[in-house]
Protein backbone atom coordinates (compact mmCIF):
# COMPACT_ATOMS: atom_id res chain seq x y z
CA MET A 1 0.00 0.00 0.00
CA ALA A 2 1.46 3.36 -1.02
CA LYS A 3 1.76 6.38 1.29
CA LYS A 4 -1.08 8.17 -0.49
CA ASP A 5 -3.41 5.23 0.24
CA LYS A 6 -3.31 5.68 4.00
CA LYS A 7 -3.10 8.44 6.57
CA LEU A 8 -2.24 8.69 10.25
CA VAL A 9 -5.11 10.14 12.27
CA LEU A 10 -4.88 11.63 15.77
CA GLU A 11 -7.80 11.76 18.19
CA ASP A 12 -6.94 14.86 20.24
CA GLU A 13 -9.31 14.06 23.10
CA SER A 14 -7.52 10.86 24.07
CA CYS A 15 -3.93 12.07 23.52
CA ILE A 16 -2.09 12.44 26.82
CA GLY A 17 1.02 14.00 25.28
CA CYS A 18 3.35 11.28 26.58
CA GLY A 19 5.64 11.53 23.54
CA ILE A 20 6.11 7.79 23.03
CA CYS A 21 4.99 8.25 19.42
CA THR A 22 7.84 10.66 18.74
CA THR A 23 10.46 8.24 20.05
CA VAL A 24 9.39 5.24 17.94
CA CYS A 25 8.77 7.08 14.66
CA PRO A 26 11.30 5.83 12.08
CA THR A 27 11.09 9.11 10.15
CA ASN A 28 11.94 11.07 13.30
CA LEU A 29 14.73 8.66 14.23
CA LYS A 30 16.32 8.93 10.80
CA LYS A 31 16.19 12.75 10.87
CA GLU A 32 17.53 12.97 14.42
CA LYS A 33 20.63 10.93 13.49
CA ASP A 34 21.73 13.69 11.12
CA ILE A 35 24.54 15.64 12.77
CA ASN A 36 22.97 18.91 11.58
CA PHE A 37 19.53 18.14 13.02
CA ASP A 38 18.15 21.03 15.08
CA VAL A 39 15.37 19.90 17.41
CA ASP A 40 14.00 23.44 17.63
CA THR A 41 13.62 24.10 13.91
CA GLU A 42 13.55 20.84 11.95
CA PRO A 43 10.17 19.37 11.02
CA ARG A 44 9.38 15.92 12.36
CA ALA A 45 6.68 13.49 11.29
CA ILE A 46 5.11 13.56 14.75
CA ALA A 47 5.88 15.75 17.72
CA VAL A 48 4.32 16.90 20.98
CA SER A 49 3.52 20.52 21.71
CA ASN A 50 1.36 22.01 24.47
CA GLY A 51 0.62 18.55 25.83
CA LYS A 52 -0.72 17.06 22.57
CA ALA A 53 0.79 15.22 19.66
CA PHE A 54 0.60 16.72 16.20
CA ILE A 55 1.33 15.22 12.80
CA ASP A 56 3.25 16.85 9.96
CA TYR A 57 1.68 15.18 6.94
CA ASN A 58 4.54 16.36 4.71
CA GLU A 59 6.91 14.21 6.80
CA CYS A 60 4.71 11.31 7.98
CA VAL A 61 4.85 8.14 5.87
CA ALA A 62 1.88 6.55 7.71
CA CYS A 63 3.81 3.42 8.68
CA GLY A 64 1.66 2.94 11.81
CA ILE A 65 4.45 2.20 14.29
CA CYS A 66 3.40 5.10 16.51
CA ALA A 67 -0.22 3.92 16.44
CA LYS A 68 0.83 0.47 17.62
CA THR A 69 2.72 1.89 20.59
CA CYS A 70 0.32 4.65 21.66
CA PRO A 71 -0.86 3.86 25.22
CA GLY A 72 -4.01 5.96 24.80
CA ASP A 73 -4.98 4.52 21.41
CA SER A 74 -5.02 8.10 20.13
CA LEU A 75 -3.40 7.26 16.80
CA THR A 76 -4.86 5.13 14.03
CA ILE A 77 -4.11 4.48 10.39
CA GLU A 78 -6.98 5.37 8.09
CA ILE A 79 -7.25 3.70 4.71
CA LEU A 80 -8.15 6.27 2.07
CA ALA A 81 -10.63 5.42 -0.67
């Protein structure tokens, strides 16, 4: 299934802002290994701000790893028609 066929969806109400999603995201991990990575300015696929996760759809590849590890079941993969 191609990236355009699925999308990561966040349910804000159940997100507790724990940040586990940000630590398991392979896109984030790959970016953070770059010696020039600046945590304050670089976009990440998923991040936490003001106590809630948010998704950058330009970076997210909708692999679903974060959804599998989310303790609040706040993240799901939606299949697009």
